[in-house]
Amino acid sequence: MKKLTVSEVSKVIGGTSCKVTFEKETVDGATVCRKVNTCTGKYGETVTRMPADLSSCN
């Protein structure tokens, strides 16, 4: 029997994998930073954006 990795198991049982990135945006002339959490699961992709410190967007 083959041993499965964590990522292989999550695909079999419908687990979720997430990736966190940071992006800069300009809103009304001001530069802001957003934390972007992208999760892919059994039923598709979910993207969540939250405010973050500008220093995180370097």
N, C-alpha and C. Protein backbone atom coordinates (compact mmCIF):
# COMPACT_ATOMS: atom_id res chain seq x y z
N MET A 1 0.84 -1.17 0.00
CA MET A 1 0.00 0.00 0.00
C MET A 1 0.89 1.24 0.00
N LYS A 2 0.51 2.24 -0.81
CA LYS A 2 1.29 3.47 -0.94
C LYS A 2 0.98 4.42 0.22
N LYS A 3 2.02 5.03 0.76
CA LYS A 3 1.83 6.06 1.79
C LYS A 3 1.53 7.38 1.08
N LEU A 4 0.56 8.11 1.59
CA LEU A 4 0.16 9.38 1.00
C LEU A 4 0.76 10.56 1.76
N THR A 5 1.04 11.63 1.02
CA THR A 5 1.49 12.86 1.65
C THR A 5 0.27 13.63 2.15
N VAL A 6 0.50 14.67 2.94
CA VAL A 6 -0.59 15.47 3.49
C VAL A 6 -1.39 16.11 2.36
N SER A 7 -0.73 16.62 1.34
CA SER A 7 -1.45 17.27 0.24
C SER A 7 -2.28 16.27 -0.55
N GLU A 8 -1.78 15.05 -0.71
CA GLU A 8 -2.55 14.01 -1.40
C GLU A 8 -3.79 13.62 -0.59
N VAL A 9 -3.62 13.50 0.71
CA VAL A 9 -4.75 13.14 1.57
C VAL A 9 -5.82 14.22 1.54
N SER A 10 -5.41 15.49 1.57
CA SER A 10 -6.39 16.57 1.58
C SER A 10 -7.22 16.57 0.30
N LYS A 11 -6.62 16.17 -0.82
CA LYS A 11 -7.38 16.09 -2.07
C LYS A 11 -8.39 14.96 -2.03
N VAL A 12 -8.02 13.85 -1.41
CA VAL A 12 -8.90 12.68 -1.34
C VAL A 12 -10.10 12.95 -0.45
N ILE A 13 -9.88 13.57 0.70
CA ILE A 13 -10.98 13.76 1.65
C ILE A 13 -11.58 15.16 1.57
N GLY A 14 -11.18 15.93 0.56
CA GLY A 14 -11.78 17.25 0.37
C GLY A 14 -11.23 18.33 1.27
N GLY A 15 -9.97 18.24 1.60
CA GLY A 15 -9.35 19.25 2.45
C GLY A 15 -9.13 20.56 1.72
N THR A 16 -8.62 21.51 2.42
CA THR A 16 -8.41 22.85 1.88
C THR A 16 -6.94 23.21 1.95
N SER A 17 -6.44 23.84 0.90
CA SER A 17 -5.08 24.36 0.94
C SER A 17 -5.18 25.88 0.78
N CYS A 18 -4.40 26.60 1.57
CA CYS A 18 -4.47 28.06 1.57
C CYS A 18 -3.12 28.68 1.29
N LYS A 19 -3.15 29.86 0.68
CA LYS A 19 -1.94 30.63 0.38
C LYS A 19 -2.18 32.07 0.80
N VAL A 20 -1.25 32.65 1.53
CA VAL A 20 -1.37 34.04 1.99
C VAL A 20 -0.37 34.91 1.22
N THR A 21 -0.89 36.00 0.65
CA THR A 21 -0.04 36.97 -0.03
C THR A 21 -0.43 38.37 0.44
N PHE A 22 0.37 39.35 0.08
CA PHE A 22 0.09 40.75 0.41
C PHE A 22 0.10 41.56 -0.88
N GLU A 23 -0.82 42.52 -0.98
CA GLU A 23 -0.86 43.37 -2.17
C GLU A 23 -1.10 44.82 -1.78
N LYS A 24 -0.47 45.72 -2.56
CA LYS A 24 -0.66 47.16 -2.37
C LYS A 24 -1.79 47.63 -3.26
N GLU A 25 -2.59 48.55 -2.75
CA GLU A 25 -3.66 49.18 -3.52
C GLU A 25 -3.63 50.67 -3.27
N THR A 26 -4.12 51.43 -4.22
CA THR A 26 -4.27 52.86 -4.04
C THR A 26 -5.75 53.17 -3.96
N VAL A 27 -6.18 53.72 -2.84
CA VAL A 27 -7.59 54.05 -2.62
C VAL A 27 -7.68 55.55 -2.32
N ASP A 28 -8.36 56.29 -3.18
CA ASP A 28 -8.50 57.74 -3.03
C ASP A 28 -7.16 58.44 -2.80
N GLY A 29 -6.14 58.02 -3.54
CA GLY A 29 -4.83 58.64 -3.46
C GLY A 29 -3.94 58.12 -2.34
N ALA A 30 -4.44 57.26 -1.49
CA ALA A 30 -3.65 56.71 -0.39
C ALA A 30 -3.27 55.26 -0.69
N THR A 31 -2.03 54.89 -0.39
CA THR A 31 -1.58 53.52 -0.60
C THR A 31 -1.89 52.70 0.64
N VAL A 32 -2.56 51.58 0.44
CA VAL A 32 -2.90 50.68 1.54
C VAL A 32 -2.41 49.28 1.22
N CYS A 33 -2.25 48.49 2.26
CA CYS A 33 -1.79 47.11 2.12
C CYS A 33 -2.92 46.17 2.51
N ARG A 34 -3.07 45.10 1.77
CA ARG A 34 -4.10 44.11 2.06
C ARG A 34 -3.47 42.72 2.16
N LYS A 35 -3.90 41.97 3.16
CA LYS A 35 -3.52 40.56 3.30
C LYS A 35 -4.55 39.76 2.51
N VAL A 36 -4.10 38.96 1.56
CA VAL A 36 -4.99 38.20 0.70
C VAL A 36 -4.82 36.72 1.03
N ASN A 37 -5.90 36.11 1.48
CA ASN A 37 -5.90 34.69 1.84
C ASN A 37 -6.70 33.95 0.77
N THR A 38 -6.02 33.11 -0.03
CA THR A 38 -6.67 32.36 -1.10
C THR A 38 -6.69 30.89 -0.71
N CYS A 39 -7.88 30.33 -0.55
CA CYS A 39 -8.03 28.93 -0.17
C CYS A 39 -8.74 28.17 -1.28
N THR A 40 -8.20 27.01 -1.62
CA THR A 40 -8.80 26.16 -2.63
C THR A 40 -9.23 24.87 -1.96
N GLY A 41 -10.46 24.51 -2.15
CA GLY A 41 -11.00 23.31 -1.53
C GLY A 41 -11.81 22.50 -2.51
N LYS A 42 -12.54 21.58 -1.98
CA LYS A 42 -13.34 20.65 -2.78
C LYS A 42 -14.37 21.38 -3.64
N TYR A 43 -14.90 22.50 -3.14
CA TYR A 43 -15.98 23.19 -3.84
C TYR A 43 -15.54 24.46 -4.54
N GLY A 44 -14.26 24.69 -4.70
CA GLY A 44 -13.79 25.86 -5.42
C GLY A 44 -12.82 26.70 -4.61
N GLU A 45 -12.68 27.95 -5.03
CA GLU A 45 -11.70 28.86 -4.45
C GLU A 45 -12.39 29.98 -3.69
N THR A 46 -11.82 30.35 -2.55
CA THR A 46 -12.32 31.46 -1.74
C THR A 46 -11.18 32.44 -1.52
N VAL A 47 -11.45 33.72 -1.79
CA VAL A 47 -10.45 34.77 -1.59
C VAL A 47 -10.97 35.74 -0.54
N THR A 48 -10.15 35.98 0.49
CA THR A 48 -10.50 36.92 1.56
C THR A 48 -9.42 37.99 1.64
N ARG A 49 -9.82 39.25 1.66
CA ARG A 49 -8.87 40.37 1.77
C ARG A 49 -9.13 41.10 3.08
N MET A 50 -8.04 41.38 3.81
CA MET A 50 -8.12 42.09 5.09
C MET A 50 -7.05 43.17 5.12
N PRO A 51 -7.28 44.28 5.84
CA PRO A 51 -6.25 45.31 5.97
C PRO A 51 -5.00 44.74 6.67
N ALA A 52 -3.84 45.26 6.27
CA ALA A 52 -2.57 44.83 6.88
C ALA A 52 -1.65 46.03 6.99
N ASP A 53 -0.60 45.89 7.79
CA ASP A 53 0.39 46.96 7.93
C ASP A 53 1.09 47.17 6.59
N LEU A 54 1.34 48.43 6.26
CA LEU A 54 2.01 48.75 5.00
C LEU A 54 3.39 48.12 4.91
N SER A 55 4.04 47.90 6.04
CA SER A 55 5.36 47.27 6.05
C SER A 55 5.32 45.82 5.57
N SER A 56 4.15 45.19 5.59
CA SER A 56 4.02 43.81 5.13
C SER A 56 4.04 43.71 3.61
N CYS A 57 3.81 44.82 2.93
CA CYS A 57 3.72 44.82 1.47
C CYS A 57 5.03 45.20 0.77
N ASN A 58 6.14 44.98 1.39
CA ASN A 58 7.43 45.33 0.78
C ASN A 58 7.75 44.45 -0.38
